[in-house]
Amino acid sequence: MKMFHIILLFQFLLWGTSASAFTNPEREIKEECTIETFASIYRLSPSQYFAPKDVIKSSNCDNLVINKFTQILMSLEGIALSNVLEKELSEDFKNIKITLNPAKIFVGNLNDYLKTNLANETNLFFTDTRLSSTKKVLTLNEEELIEVSCESCLSYGDKNIKIDLVHPINATRISQWLSTKVTAKITVLKANKNINLQNEGFKKDDFITEDLLTTQPDKFISQFEMIKFYKPNKVIIQGMPLTNQDIAPLQLVRYGTPVKVVLKNNNISIIKSAIPHKSANFGETIELKNPSNNKLISGKVVDFNKVLIEL
């Protein structure tokens, strides 16, 4: 009788071990939860932070899952398939079956949208965009479209723009206002080092070029070939862009000192010599005397001791 009990106990233990060894973890019952977000999410700046409340419509998932999903959204740019994002989430939450809606999610930059639709093929860009509501991002449901217009957005400065969220099927229209700044993207010269006051002209290696967004593009110097005709009128700190207020013109032509005169007519150029009647800087128009016949001619100063006359 005792031997019989031992055999039964052995079989029971053997059966239990075999069953646990062949259990498939994928067939275990998982916790399930759902996250409902928006079909389109437009951030207001490239590296903008947004909280779950800004992008989650509803969810019965744990806060850890919601926060992780929000982090994934912040890293996106363009269209993402929800089933792909579900797999990414499952790597961190293996025992939870997570369902995301809608099936596709778009994340983009509202400034890029404004650029494409209001100032395409120009050097204008939108910055410092803010929604009039407390929302940090612009969100759209499925089938909703954006309609936007701004007649003054081809000029620089602060603008207020009306945006309509239109649902063509439901025939609904929701209007929102935003503030933004229209800027020009230009190339500027930034000081490569501290530049002290001097009587000599700038040198090319004094500067590096860099793109800048500004509402005052005419304020900045952007042409390398022109800086040799100017000198600093104050100390210019390294990293600062060069402006019209930082420079003083050099005297390129001196009164009474002979200069080269280039006579240009279509593709033909003739170089002669003449005597300027006054000293002048780059770009100025002066009178010169032709020494061969004492006649006066007018030309534009284009370089050191060089004047251009276009016939």
C-alpha atoms as a PDB file:
ATOM      1  CA  MET A   1       0.000   0.000   0.000  1.00  0.00           C
ATOM      2  CA  LYS A   2       2.818   2.325   0.863  1.00  0.00           C
ATOM      3  CA  MET A   3       4.548   1.576  -2.446  1.00  0.00           C
ATOM      4  CA  PHE A   4       1.310   2.421  -4.304  1.00  0.00           C
ATOM      5  CA  HIS A   5       1.175   5.898  -2.687  1.00  0.00           C
ATOM      6  CA  ILE A   6       4.776   6.540  -3.643  1.00  0.00           C
ATOM      7  CA  ILE A   7       4.078   5.662  -7.294  1.00  0.00           C
ATOM      8  CA  LEU A   8       1.025   7.957  -7.374  1.00  0.00           C
ATOM      9  CA  LEU A   9       3.035  10.810  -5.883  1.00  0.00           C
ATOM     10  CA  PHE A  10       5.803  10.275  -8.439  1.00  0.00           C
ATOM     11  CA  GLN A  11       3.330  10.360 -11.361  1.00  0.00           C
ATOM     12  CA  PHE A  12       1.716  13.515 -10.006  1.00  0.00           C
ATOM     13  CA  LEU A  13       5.045  15.291  -9.749  1.00  0.00           C
ATOM     14  CA  LEU A  14       6.037  14.099 -13.212  1.00  0.00           C
ATOM     15  CA  TRP A  15       2.783  15.333 -14.722  1.00  0.00           C
ATOM     16  CA  GLY A  16       3.112  18.737 -13.029  1.00  0.00           C
ATOM     17  CA  THR A  17       6.683  19.209 -14.235  1.00  0.00           C
ATOM     18  CA  SER A  18       5.798  18.247 -17.803  1.00  0.00           C
ATOM     19  CA  ALA A  19       2.832  20.606 -17.931  1.00  0.00           C
ATOM     20  CA  SER A  20       4.816  23.580 -16.679  1.00  0.00           C
ATOM     21  CA  ALA A  21       7.658  22.830 -19.056  1.00  0.00           C
ATOM     22  CA  PHE A  22       5.422  22.984 -22.107  1.00  0.00           C
ATOM     23  CA  THR A  23       3.309  25.988 -21.116  1.00  0.00           C
ATOM     24  CA  ASN A  24       3.482  28.643 -23.873  1.00  0.00           C
ATOM     25  CA  PRO A  25       3.927  32.106 -22.302  1.00  0.00           C
ATOM     26  CA  GLU A  26       2.362  33.701 -25.394  1.00  0.00           C
ATOM     27  CA  ARG A  27      -0.899  31.873 -24.629  1.00  0.00           C
ATOM     28  CA  GLU A  28      -1.116  33.281 -21.124  1.00  0.00           C
ATOM     29  CA  ILE A  29      -3.983  35.688 -20.598  1.00  0.00           C
ATOM     30  CA  LYS A  30      -2.722  39.275 -20.875  1.00  0.00           C
ATOM     31  CA  GLU A  31      -4.112  42.480 -19.487  1.00  0.00           C
ATOM     32  CA  GLU A  32      -5.694  44.596 -22.234  1.00  0.00           C
ATOM     33  CA  CYS A  33      -6.021  48.369 -22.599  1.00  0.00           C
ATOM     34  CA  THR A  34      -6.717  50.955 -25.306  1.00  0.00           C
ATOM     35  CA  ILE A  35      -5.370  54.413 -26.116  1.00  0.00           C
ATOM     36  CA  GLU A  36      -7.420  56.751 -28.316  1.00  0.00           C
ATOM     37  CA  THR A  37      -5.375  59.618 -29.747  1.00  0.00           C
ATOM     38  CA  PHE A  38      -5.793  62.098 -32.622  1.00  0.00           C
ATOM     39  CA  ALA A  39      -5.309  61.380 -36.329  1.00  0.00           C
ATOM     40  CA  SER A  40      -3.056  64.439 -36.759  1.00  0.00           C
ATOM     41  CA  ILE A  41      -0.904  66.252 -34.217  1.00  0.00           C
ATOM     42  CA  TYR A  42       0.891  69.488 -35.122  1.00  0.00           C
ATOM     43  CA  ARG A  43       3.570  70.628 -32.692  1.00  0.00           C
ATOM     44  CA  LEU A  44       4.414  74.334 -32.521  1.00  0.00           C
ATOM     45  CA  SER A  45       8.207  73.929 -32.539  1.00  0.00           C
ATOM     46  CA  PRO A  46      10.572  71.127 -33.621  1.00  0.00           C
ATOM     47  CA  SER A  47      11.595  70.013 -30.117  1.00  0.00           C
ATOM     48  CA  GLN A  48       8.365  70.861 -28.305  1.00  0.00           C
ATOM     49  CA  TYR A  49       7.350  68.897 -25.227  1.00  0.00           C
ATOM     50  CA  PHE A  50       3.709  67.941 -24.857  1.00  0.00           C
ATOM     51  CA  ALA A  51       1.934  66.136 -22.039  1.00  0.00           C
ATOM     52  CA  PRO A  52      -0.415  63.147 -22.357  1.00  0.00           C
ATOM     53  CA  LYS A  53      -3.423  65.420 -21.807  1.00  0.00           C
ATOM     54  CA  ASP A  54      -2.458  67.318 -24.978  1.00  0.00           C
ATOM     55  CA  VAL A  55      -2.585  64.286 -27.285  1.00  0.00           C
ATOM     56  CA  ILE A  56      -4.642  61.540 -25.585  1.00  0.00           C
ATOM     57  CA  LYS A  57      -8.403  61.638 -26.163  1.00  0.00           C
ATOM     58  CA  SER A  58      -9.202  58.698 -23.867  1.00  0.00           C
ATOM     59  CA  SER A  59      -7.510  55.643 -22.379  1.00  0.00           C
ATOM     60  CA  ASN A  60      -7.926  52.920 -19.790  1.00  0.00           C
ATOM     61  CA  CYS A  61      -4.212  52.108 -19.797  1.00  0.00           C
ATOM     62  CA  ASP A  62      -1.867  52.547 -16.870  1.00  0.00           C
ATOM     63  CA  ASN A  63      -0.069  55.898 -16.623  1.00  0.00           C
ATOM     64  CA  LEU A  64       3.255  54.212 -17.377  1.00  0.00           C
ATOM     65  CA  VAL A  65       1.890  53.016 -20.724  1.00  0.00           C
ATOM     66  CA  ILE A  66       0.344  56.402 -21.514  1.00  0.00           C
ATOM     67  CA  ASN A  67       3.555  58.270 -20.684  1.00  0.00           C
ATOM     68  CA  LYS A  68       5.637  55.902 -22.813  1.00  0.00           C
ATOM     69  CA  PHE A  69       3.254  56.315 -25.746  1.00  0.00           C
ATOM     70  CA  THR A  70       3.431  60.103 -25.401  1.00  0.00           C
ATOM     71  CA  GLN A  71       7.236  59.938 -25.500  1.00  0.00           C
ATOM     72  CA  ILE A  72       7.038  57.916 -28.704  1.00  0.00           C
ATOM     73  CA  LEU A  73       4.708  60.504 -30.248  1.00  0.00           C
ATOM     74  CA  MET A  74       7.146  63.311 -29.381  1.00  0.00           C
ATOM     75  CA  SER A  75       9.890  61.496 -31.290  1.00  0.00           C
ATOM     76  CA  LEU A  76       7.810  61.029 -34.443  1.00  0.00           C
ATOM     77  CA  GLU A  77       7.829  63.060 -37.644  1.00  0.00           C
ATOM     78  CA  GLY A  78       5.410  62.085 -40.392  1.00  0.00           C
ATOM     79  CA  ILE A  79       2.939  59.197 -40.598  1.00  0.00           C
ATOM     80  CA  ALA A  80       3.167  56.192 -38.265  1.00  0.00           C
ATOM     81  CA  LEU A  81       1.072  53.009 -38.341  1.00  0.00           C
ATOM     82  CA  SER A  82      -0.543  52.207 -35.014  1.00  0.00           C
ATOM     83  CA  ASN A  83       0.203  48.476 -35.261  1.00  0.00           C
ATOM     84  CA  VAL A  84       3.904  49.307 -35.532  1.00  0.00           C
ATOM     85  CA  LEU A  85       3.688  51.547 -32.468  1.00  0.00           C
ATOM     86  CA  GLU A  86       1.826  48.772 -30.615  1.00  0.00           C
ATOM     87  CA  LYS A  87       4.759  46.424 -31.201  1.00  0.00           C
ATOM     88  CA  GLU A  88       7.166  49.074 -29.951  1.00  0.00           C
ATOM     89  CA  LEU A  89       5.115  49.501 -26.777  1.00  0.00           C
ATOM     90  CA  SER A  90       4.911  45.731 -26.254  1.00  0.00           C
ATOM     91  CA  GLU A  91       8.686  45.609 -25.842  1.00  0.00           C
ATOM     92  CA  ASP A  92       8.330  47.526 -22.576  1.00  0.00           C
ATOM     93  CA  PHE A  93       4.975  46.071 -21.521  1.00  0.00           C
ATOM     94  CA  LYS A  94       5.098  42.388 -22.465  1.00  0.00           C
ATOM     95  CA  ASN A  95       2.131  41.338 -20.320  1.00  0.00           C
ATOM     96  CA  ILE A  96      -0.237  44.006 -21.653  1.00  0.00           C
ATOM     97  CA  LYS A  97      -2.066  43.872 -24.964  1.00  0.00           C
ATOM     98  CA  ILE A  98      -2.192  47.529 -26.048  1.00  0.00           C
ATOM     99  CA  THR A  99      -4.512  48.749 -28.786  1.00  0.00           C
ATOM    100  CA  LEU A 100      -4.001  52.156 -30.406  1.00  0.00           C
ATOM    101  CA  ASN A 101      -6.586  54.153 -32.343  1.00  0.00           C
ATOM    102  CA  PRO A 102      -6.773  55.462 -35.024  1.00  0.00           C
ATOM    103  CA  ALA A 103      -4.940  53.122 -37.406  1.00  0.00           C
ATOM    104  CA  LYS A 104      -2.598  55.896 -38.665  1.00  0.00           C
ATOM    105  CA  ILE A 105      -1.182  58.840 -36.749  1.00  0.00           C
ATOM    106  CA  PHE A 106       0.474  61.893 -38.290  1.00  0.00           C
ATOM    107  CA  VAL A 107       2.846  64.110 -36.297  1.00  0.00           C
ATOM    108  CA  GLY A 108       4.159  67.287 -37.913  1.00  0.00           C
ATOM    109  CA  ASN A 109       5.262  70.875 -37.348  1.00  0.00           C
ATOM    110  CA  LEU A 110       2.640  73.603 -37.671  1.00  0.00           C
ATOM    111  CA  ASN A 111       5.282  76.115 -38.781  1.00  0.00           C
ATOM    112  CA  ASP A 112       6.166  73.844 -41.705  1.00  0.00           C
ATOM    113  CA  TYR A 113       2.482  73.607 -42.638  1.00  0.00           C
ATOM    114  CA  LEU A 114       2.157  77.415 -42.631  1.00  0.00           C
ATOM    115  CA  LYS A 115       5.317  77.738 -44.726  1.00  0.00           C
ATOM    116  CA  THR A 116       4.070  75.244 -47.334  1.00  0.00           C
ATOM    117  CA  ASN A 117       0.581  76.710 -47.604  1.00  0.00           C
ATOM    118  CA  LEU A 118       1.194  80.437 -47.159  1.00  0.00           C
ATOM    119  CA  ALA A 119       4.763  81.201 -48.252  1.00  0.00           C
ATOM    120  CA  ASN A 120       5.939  78.330 -50.427  1.00  0.00           C
ATOM    121  CA  GLU A 121       8.926  78.985 -52.732  1.00  0.00           C
ATOM    122  CA  THR A 122       9.943  82.093 -50.755  1.00  0.00           C
ATOM    123  CA  ASN A 123      12.637  82.704 -48.133  1.00  0.00           C
ATOM    124  CA  LEU A 124       9.918  83.365 -45.529  1.00  0.00           C
ATOM    125  CA  PHE A 125       9.486  81.156 -42.462  1.00  0.00           C
ATOM    126  CA  PHE A 126       7.133  81.094 -39.478  1.00  0.00           C
ATOM    127  CA  THR A 127       8.393  81.126 -35.881  1.00  0.00           C
ATOM    128  CA  ASP A 128       7.118  81.713 -32.326  1.00  0.00           C
ATOM    129  CA  THR A 129       3.721  80.254 -33.239  1.00  0.00           C
ATOM    130  CA  ARG A 130       1.181  80.131 -30.410  1.00  0.00           C
ATOM    131  CA  LEU A 131      -2.431  78.985 -30.272  1.00  0.00           C
ATOM    132  CA  SER A 132      -4.917  81.408 -28.725  1.00  0.00           C
ATOM    133  CA  SER A 133      -6.311  78.531 -26.651  1.00  0.00           C
ATOM    134  CA  THR A 134      -4.428  76.875 -23.790  1.00  0.00           C
ATOM    135  CA  LYS A 135      -3.616  73.875 -26.005  1.00  0.00           C
ATOM    136  CA  LYS A 136       0.053  73.254 -26.700  1.00  0.00           C
ATOM    137  CA  VAL A 137      -0.524  71.420 -29.980  1.00  0.00           C
ATOM    138  CA  LEU A 138      -3.027  71.574 -32.819  1.00  0.00           C
ATOM    139  CA  THR A 139      -4.936  68.287 -33.078  1.00  0.00           C
ATOM    140  CA  LEU A 140      -7.268  66.918 -35.763  1.00  0.00           C
ATOM    141  CA  ASN A 141      -9.657  64.005 -35.751  1.00  0.00           C
ATOM    142  CA  GLU A 142      -9.931  61.572 -38.643  1.00  0.00           C
ATOM    143  CA  GLU A 143     -11.250  63.160 -41.868  1.00  0.00           C
ATOM    144  CA  GLU A 144     -10.678  66.689 -40.528  1.00  0.00           C
ATOM    145  CA  LEU A 145      -8.761  69.123 -42.747  1.00  0.00           C
ATOM    146  CA  ILE A 146      -7.049  72.467 -42.137  1.00  0.00           C
ATOM    147  CA  GLU A 147      -8.070  75.597 -44.032  1.00  0.00           C
ATOM    148  CA  VAL A 148      -5.878  78.647 -43.566  1.00  0.00           C
ATOM    149  CA  SER A 149      -5.415  82.000 -45.300  1.00  0.00           C
ATOM    150  CA  CYS A 150      -3.372  85.108 -44.530  1.00  0.00           C
ATOM    151  CA  GLU A 151      -3.076  87.995 -46.989  1.00  0.00           C
ATOM    152  CA  SER A 152      -0.412  89.793 -44.930  1.00  0.00           C
ATOM    153  CA  CYS A 153       1.842  86.769 -44.415  1.00  0.00           C
ATOM    154  CA  LEU A 154       4.158  87.664 -47.301  1.00  0.00           C
ATOM    155  CA  SER A 155       5.546  90.539 -45.224  1.00  0.00           C
ATOM    156  CA  TYR A 156       7.696  90.402 -42.102  1.00  0.00           C
ATOM    157  CA  GLY A 157       6.510  90.718 -38.526  1.00  0.00           C
ATOM    158  CA  ASP A 158       3.872  89.506 -36.066  1.00  0.00           C
ATOM    159  CA  LYS A 159       0.675  88.071 -37.551  1.00  0.00           C
ATOM    160  CA  ASN A 160      -2.654  86.706 -36.311  1.00  0.00           C
ATOM    161  CA  ILE A 161      -3.972  83.838 -38.442  1.00  0.00           C
ATOM    162  CA  LYS A 162      -7.368  82.170 -38.417  1.00  0.00           C
ATOM    163  CA  ILE A 163      -7.342  78.390 -38.833  1.00  0.00           C
ATOM    164  CA  ASP A 164     -10.476  76.389 -39.623  1.00  0.00           C
ATOM    165  CA  LEU A 165     -10.709  72.679 -38.848  1.00  0.00           C
ATOM    166  CA  VAL A 166     -13.168  71.365 -41.424  1.00  0.00           C
ATOM    167  CA  HIS A 167     -14.867  67.954 -41.449  1.00  0.00           C
ATOM    168  CA  PRO A 168     -16.221  67.551 -45.000  1.00  0.00           C
ATOM    169  CA  ILE A 169     -18.402  64.545 -44.151  1.00  0.00           C
ATOM    170  CA  ASN A 170     -20.011  65.931 -41.003  1.00  0.00           C
ATOM    171  CA  ALA A 171     -20.066  69.453 -42.498  1.00  0.00           C
ATOM    172  CA  THR A 172     -18.566  70.938 -39.332  1.00  0.00           C
ATOM    173  CA  ARG A 173     -16.126  73.842 -39.052  1.00  0.00           C
ATOM    174  CA  ILE A 174     -14.188  74.778 -35.911  1.00  0.00           C
ATOM    175  CA  SER A 175     -12.232  78.033 -35.970  1.00  0.00           C
ATOM    176  CA  GLN A 176      -9.075  78.757 -33.996  1.00  0.00           C
ATOM    177  CA  TRP A 177      -6.706  81.713 -33.915  1.00  0.00           C
ATOM    178  CA  LEU A 178      -2.969  81.619 -33.654  1.00  0.00           C
ATOM    179  CA  SER A 179      -0.225  84.200 -33.404  1.00  0.00           C
ATOM    180  CA  THR A 180       3.019  83.800 -35.324  1.00  0.00           C
ATOM    181  CA  LYS A 181       5.997  85.731 -36.604  1.00  0.00           C
ATOM    182  CA  VAL A 182       6.957  85.867 -40.278  1.00  0.00           C
ATOM    183  CA  THR A 183      10.730  85.974 -40.722  1.00  0.00           C
ATOM    184  CA  ALA A 184      13.171  85.910 -43.616  1.00  0.00           C
ATOM    185  CA  LYS A 185      15.874  83.259 -43.792  1.00  0.00           C
ATOM    186  CA  ILE A 186      19.122  84.940 -44.826  1.00  0.00           C
ATOM    187  CA  THR A 187      22.827  84.182 -44.737  1.00  0.00           C
ATOM    188  CA  VAL A 188      24.770  86.459 -42.395  1.00  0.00           C
ATOM    189  CA  LEU A 189      28.427  86.963 -41.547  1.00  0.00           C
ATOM    190  CA  LYS A 190      29.257  86.066 -37.941  1.00  0.00           C
ATOM    191  CA  ALA A 191      32.474  87.206 -36.321  1.00  0.00           C
ATOM    192  CA  ASN A 192      34.955  84.328 -36.163  1.00  0.00           C
ATOM    193  CA  LYS A 193      36.833  86.106 -33.372  1.00  0.00           C
ATOM    194  CA  ASN A 194      36.736  89.367 -31.448  1.00  0.00           C
ATOM    195  CA  ILE A 195      37.400  92.183 -33.943  1.00  0.00           C
ATOM    196  CA  ASN A 196      38.854  95.397 -32.521  1.00  0.00           C
ATOM    197  CA  LEU A 197      38.669  98.920 -33.900  1.00  0.00           C
ATOM    198  CA  GLN A 198      41.042  99.347 -36.842  1.00  0.00           C
ATOM    199  CA  ASN A 199      41.625 101.497 -39.878  1.00  0.00           C
ATOM    200  CA  GLU A 200      42.085  98.544 -42.206  1.00  0.00           C
ATOM    201  CA  GLY A 201      39.273  96.757 -43.958  1.00  0.00           C
ATOM    202  CA  PHE A 202      37.772  93.477 -42.792  1.00  0.00           C
ATOM    203  CA  LYS A 203      39.393  90.251 -43.916  1.00  0.00           C
ATOM    204  CA  LYS A 204      37.531  87.230 -45.212  1.00  0.00           C
ATOM    205  CA  ASP A 205      38.733  84.989 -42.385  1.00  0.00           C
ATOM    206  CA  ASP A 206      37.269  87.410 -39.824  1.00  0.00           C
ATOM    207  CA  PHE A 207      33.868  85.831 -40.447  1.00  0.00           C
ATOM    208  CA  ILE A 208      31.951  82.619 -41.006  1.00  0.00           C
ATOM    209  CA  THR A 209      28.590  82.349 -42.738  1.00  0.00           C
ATOM    210  CA  GLU A 210      25.460  81.171 -40.978  1.00  0.00           C
ATOM    211  CA  ASP A 211      21.727  81.145 -41.711  1.00  0.00           C
ATOM    212  CA  LEU A 212      19.543  83.441 -39.613  1.00  0.00           C
ATOM    213  CA  LEU A 213      15.796  84.003 -39.297  1.00  0.00           C
ATOM    214  CA  THR A 214      14.992  87.692 -38.900  1.00  0.00           C
ATOM    215  CA  THR A 215      12.257  90.266 -39.423  1.00  0.00           C
ATOM    216  CA  GLN A 216      14.926  92.833 -40.457  1.00  0.00           C
ATOM    217  CA  PRO A 217      16.957  91.261 -43.264  1.00  0.00           C
ATOM    218  CA  ASP A 218      18.232  94.616 -44.583  1.00  0.00           C
ATOM    219  CA  LYS A 219      19.972  95.225 -41.258  1.00  0.00           C
ATOM    220  CA  PHE A 220      22.624  92.535 -41.822  1.00  0.00           C
ATOM    221  CA  ILE A 221      25.693  92.222 -44.057  1.00  0.00           C
ATOM    222  CA  SER A 222      25.705  89.010 -46.039  1.00  0.00           C
ATOM    223  CA  GLN A 223      28.221  89.448 -48.868  1.00  0.00           C
ATOM    224  CA  PHE A 224      31.843  88.429 -48.337  1.00  0.00           C
ATOM    225  CA  GLU A 225      33.030  90.353 -51.380  1.00  0.00           C
ATOM    226  CA  MET A 226      31.880  93.678 -49.891  1.00  0.00           C
ATOM    227  CA  ILE A 227      33.459  93.507 -46.423  1.00  0.00           C
ATOM    228  CA  LYS A 228      36.951  94.428 -47.643  1.00  0.00           C
ATOM    229  CA  PHE A 229      35.589  97.891 -48.444  1.00  0.00           C
ATOM    230  CA  TYR A 230      34.592  98.524 -44.812  1.00  0.00           C
ATOM    231  CA  LYS A 231      36.194  98.673 -41.358  1.00  0.00           C
ATOM    232  CA  PRO A 232      34.691  98.183 -37.884  1.00  0.00           C
ATOM    233  CA  ASN A 233      33.413 101.264 -36.080  1.00  0.00           C
ATOM    234  CA  LYS A 234      33.282  99.423 -32.739  1.00  0.00           C
ATOM    235  CA  VAL A 235      34.499  96.204 -31.155  1.00  0.00           C
ATOM    236  CA  ILE A 236      32.640  93.240 -32.650  1.00  0.00           C
ATOM    237  CA  ILE A 237      32.270  90.281 -30.295  1.00  0.00           C
ATOM    238  CA  GLN A 238      32.919  86.755 -31.558  1.00  0.00           C
ATOM    239  CA  GLY A 239      29.701  85.059 -32.684  1.00  0.00           C
ATOM    240  CA  MET A 240      27.799  88.284 -33.357  1.00  0.00           C
ATOM    241  CA  PRO A 241      26.326  88.821 -36.852  1.00  0.00           C
ATOM    242  CA  LEU A 242      27.657  91.824 -38.746  1.00  0.00           C
ATOM    243  CA  THR A 243      25.140  94.653 -39.176  1.00  0.00           C
ATOM    244  CA  ASN A 244      25.108  97.954 -41.035  1.00  0.00           C
ATOM    245  CA  GLN A 245      25.616  99.745 -37.709  1.00  0.00           C
ATOM    246  CA  ASP A 246      28.915  97.936 -37.073  1.00  0.00           C
ATOM    247  CA  ILE A 247      30.778  99.190 -40.124  1.00  0.00           C
ATOM    248  CA  ALA A 248      32.293 102.369 -41.540  1.00  0.00           C
ATOM    249  CA  PRO A 249      33.263 102.753 -45.216  1.00  0.00           C
ATOM    250  CA  LEU A 250      36.872 102.903 -46.318  1.00  0.00           C
ATOM    251  CA  GLN A 251      37.916 105.639 -48.711  1.00  0.00           C
ATOM    252  CA  LEU A 252      38.538 103.815 -51.990  1.00  0.00           C
ATOM    253  CA  VAL A 253      39.185 106.826 -54.204  1.00  0.00           C
ATOM    254  CA  ARG A 254      41.128 109.951 -53.198  1.00  0.00           C
ATOM    255  CA  TYR A 255      40.740 113.397 -54.668  1.00  0.00           C
ATOM    256  CA  GLY A 256      43.381 114.104 -57.319  1.00  0.00           C
ATOM    257  CA  THR A 257      44.861 110.598 -57.308  1.00  0.00           C
ATOM    258  CA  PRO A 258      44.542 108.913 -60.732  1.00  0.00           C
ATOM    259  CA  VAL A 259      42.220 105.917 -60.889  1.00  0.00           C
ATOM    260  CA  LYS A 260      41.436 103.183 -63.392  1.00  0.00           C
ATOM    261  CA  VAL A 261      38.263 103.791 -65.328  1.00  0.00           C
ATOM    262  CA  VAL A 262      36.495 100.827 -66.875  1.00  0.00           C
ATOM    263  CA  LEU A 263      34.283 101.816 -69.786  1.00  0.00           C
ATOM    264  CA  LYS A 264      31.739  99.016 -70.248  1.00  0.00           C
ATOM    265  CA  ASN A 265      29.431  98.702 -73.223  1.00  0.00           C
ATOM    266  CA  ASN A 266      27.601  95.366 -73.510  1.00  0.00           C
ATOM    267  CA  ASN A 267      30.413  92.772 -73.532  1.00  0.00           C
ATOM    268  CA  ILE A 268      33.190  95.230 -74.392  1.00  0.00           C
ATOM    269  CA  SER A 269      35.349  96.787 -71.647  1.00  0.00           C
ATOM    270  CA  ILE A 270      37.967  99.528 -72.150  1.00  0.00           C
ATOM    271  CA  ILE A 271      40.310 100.530 -69.332  1.00  0.00           C
ATOM    272  CA  LYS A 272      41.531 104.106 -69.127  1.00  0.00           C
ATOM    273  CA  SER A 273      42.772 106.529 -66.482  1.00  0.00           C
ATOM    274  CA  ALA A 274      41.085 109.628 -65.035  1.00  0.00           C
ATOM    275  CA  ILE A 275      41.382 112.114 -62.174  1.00  0.00           C
ATOM    276  CA  PRO A 276      38.604 112.058 -59.518  1.00  0.00           C
ATOM    277  CA  HIS A 277      37.167 115.428 -58.478  1.00  0.00           C
ATOM    278  CA  LYS A 278      36.529 114.190 -54.928  1.00  0.00           C
ATOM    279  CA  SER A 279      37.273 111.344 -52.559  1.00  0.00           C
ATOM    280  CA  ALA A 280      34.639 108.600 -52.455  1.00  0.00           C
ATOM    281  CA  ASN A 281      33.598 105.300 -50.886  1.00  0.00           C
ATOM    282  CA  PHE A 282      32.308 102.060 -52.378  1.00  0.00           C
ATOM    283  CA  GLY A 283      29.152 102.482 -54.467  1.00  0.00           C
ATOM    284  CA  GLU A 284      29.292 106.260 -54.679  1.00  0.00           C
ATOM    285  CA  THR A 285      29.011 108.068 -58.017  1.00  0.00           C
ATOM    286  CA  ILE A 286      31.687 110.701 -58.682  1.00  0.00           C
ATOM    287  CA  GLU A 287      32.887 112.990 -61.449  1.00  0.00           C
ATOM    288  CA  LEU A 288      36.277 112.435 -63.038  1.00  0.00           C
ATOM    289  CA  LYS A 289      38.367 114.456 -65.481  1.00  0.00           C
ATOM    290  CA  ASN A 290      39.672 112.813 -68.606  1.00  0.00           C
ATOM    291  CA  PRO A 291      43.334 113.966 -68.728  1.00  0.00           C
ATOM    292  CA  SER A 292      43.492 113.619 -72.509  1.00  0.00           C
ATOM    293  CA  ASN A 293      40.737 116.164 -73.243  1.00  0.00           C
ATOM    294  CA  ASN A 294      39.827 117.610 -69.795  1.00  0.00           C
ATOM    295  CA  LYS A 295      36.209 116.519 -70.215  1.00  0.00           C
ATOM    296  CA  LEU A 296      34.211 115.468 -67.133  1.00  0.00           C
ATOM    297  CA  ILE A 297      32.717 111.988 -66.926  1.00  0.00           C
ATOM    298  CA  SER A 298      30.707 110.265 -64.153  1.00  0.00           C
ATOM    299  CA  GLY A 299      31.183 106.736 -62.802  1.00  0.00           C
ATOM    300  CA  LYS A 300      30.559 104.476 -59.806  1.00  0.00           C
ATOM    301  CA  VAL A 301      33.317 103.482 -57.392  1.00  0.00           C
ATOM    302  CA  VAL A 302      33.585  99.672 -57.476  1.00  0.00           C
ATOM    303  CA  ASP A 303      37.019  98.916 -55.937  1.00  0.00           C
ATOM    304  CA  PHE A 304      40.189 100.502 -54.654  1.00  0.00           C
ATOM    305  CA  ASN A 305      41.179 103.186 -57.188  1.00  0.00           C
ATOM    306  CA  LYS A 306      38.685 101.813 -59.703  1.00  0.00           C
ATOM    307  CA  VAL A 307      35.595 103.417 -61.239  1.00  0.00           C
ATOM    308  CA  LEU A 308      33.025 101.815 -63.545  1.00  0.00           C
ATOM    309  CA  ILE A 309      31.301 103.730 -66.349  1.00  0.00           C
ATOM    310  CA  GLU A 310      28.507 101.882 -68.118  1.00  0.00           C
ATOM    311  CA  LEU A 311      27.788 103.292 -71.563  1.00  0.00           C
END
